[in-house]
Amino acid sequence: MFILKGGELTMYDLKTVQTAQKLVLHDSLHTYKVKNSRSNIAGQVMETPTKKGAIALFSSKDSMQKAHGVVITSFEALDAIADRMTHWTPNTFSWLGYTQNRSSVRGHREANLAQINTLVVDIDFADAQERDAREQEVLGAVTVADLFIPTMILRTTKGFHIYYVFDQPMFLRKTRGQFPVLKAAQKMSSFVRQWIQKRVAGVDVGCNNFGIFRIPRQDNLVFFDAHMLVQVSALMKWSQYYAAQVPVTKPDKRQVISLAPDEGRQVDQAWFKALLKVTTVKSGQGLARHNTVLTLALAMYQSKISQQRARDVLDVFNSNLHDPLADREVVQCVRDAYSGNYRGAALSYVQGLLDQWVPNFSGKVVAGIGWHKFAKPRAERQYSHAHEWRNDVLALINRMGGSAASVAMSTRQIQAELGISPASLNRVMKQLQATSQLKRVQRGNQPTLLTTVTMLFKSAMVSRQAQSKAWTGYLTTLMPTVSKNVYEPTVGTLTEIQAVSGDSEPPWGMETRRRTG
């Protein structure tokens, strides 16, 4: 359904948007407000027995960066204020509260997560024009491995937030001081981002896996299908397969490398020294000041530098920045790095920070201690691996299909395009069909119709957008006032929003620290 709201044509009505929000949260909030509920008590339905938690919402990007938000624990409160919010925490926390000065939300850290409901991939471009120009490229890249379709896509000011909602939440439990479920989810999130990043530029690989993202609203929801949930078990299996198939990033041209004694410590490596000299690291999400300081702290932890020494070094680094972090944030980064939850700086973050802040870096980035054998590049091998042929076939079919739901292609065409033998192609096609990545429809003497998950998804999106544009054009002829609305809404003050939410005391009231269970 298309709704005209504030002069802008929206693709989804309010009820659908609320359905999308509830689908993400997986029954992890109370149905009604704990206090000041407007629902008739006699008509209230019984709560489900599952554990309830809390989420945070923010009225603007600036508020989000300052952690000036609203804590809610019920769907009633969410419905009351969601249309005035721009960001939220789609993964549910065990509790959330406010800081001592009662101005900021606290508790939204990974160790406090109660459950992981969704993976979100943040894709950012230079501006809105580039975002619009590359939309089809994005749509072709977000069906991960032609297996996992996004549940919804949100358009942001300069890009997209891609939501992959789980069929069931991943509940966090602490085991021997660790969170194995969290680590597994982090790996899955990292692999999904890596897969998409290889196909479209702009993926923010450095942003918090389970942090703050855009909230679905009528003015930003461009795709939603409640049936497109990601099976956690299937994503785990694919992640294991992906980890085994994708070679470790090769730091130089040698086939095999070993580490010299001084390379065992990350602080002795060239990348650490290069990052330590940077003074231009800026604020913001992703690979910004916080991640840079944390990565340097993790390197010092891995190198067995004392925690106090790490603080001293990072205090100097931070003071040299043109736009330094608050001292308390540096202290928190060091504390997190030395918590024992990490082994050292991750290679993917190090490489991302170097690309962002030291683009001319020419030194060697080493993954860790020990020997690492790397597979030869494909160009240097006589034979291709099976997974490489599968990727080639899918890429070819998706490219030839464009935005159509299917494409007519013969096996001879595919062989000619890829240079693959008939026996290998037959084997690859059977493997792709067995994993539901490819569907073939025989048509007698005519070329076989081929379709993939990516093609079906792009076709559905193009069809939906065409309907939207046609309807917009029709409305414009009747109502010349139809125009594009500004993305950021006019929001009420934090006082007004807190009053409407009704779940938590406002920041200037008595501090509340909710524990649910």
Foldseek 3Di string as FASTA:
>chain_A
DWDQDPLAIFLDDPVVLLVVLCLLQFLQAAAFFPPDTPDDPVPDDDRDPDWHFKKWFAQDPVCVLVQQTAIFRHSSLCSQCVQRTWKMQSFGFLWWWADPLLGHIDDQDPVRTFWHFKWKWWFFDPFQVVQVVCVLLLLLQQCFVLAADFQWWWQDGGHIITIATAPHIGGFDADPNATVSSVLQLLLNLLSLVSSCVRDPRTQSFFDRRGMDTRRDRQTTQDHDSVRHDYPVVSSVVSVVSVVPDWDDDQDDDQKDADDPQVQQVCSFPLLVVLLPFQAFADDGGLGDLLSLLQNLQSCVLNVNDLVVSLVSVVVSQVSHPDHDDSVSSVVSNCVSNVPHDNHHAQVSSVVNCVVGVVVDDGTRDGHHDMGGTDDPPVPDPDDDLVVVLVLLLVVQCVVLRQAQKDFDAPVRVCVVPVDDPVSVVVSVVVCVVSQQKDWDDDPPGGIIIGGSSNNSSNVSVVSVVVSVVVLVVVCVVPVSNDDDDPNDDHDDSVVSNVSSNRADRSVDDMDIDRID
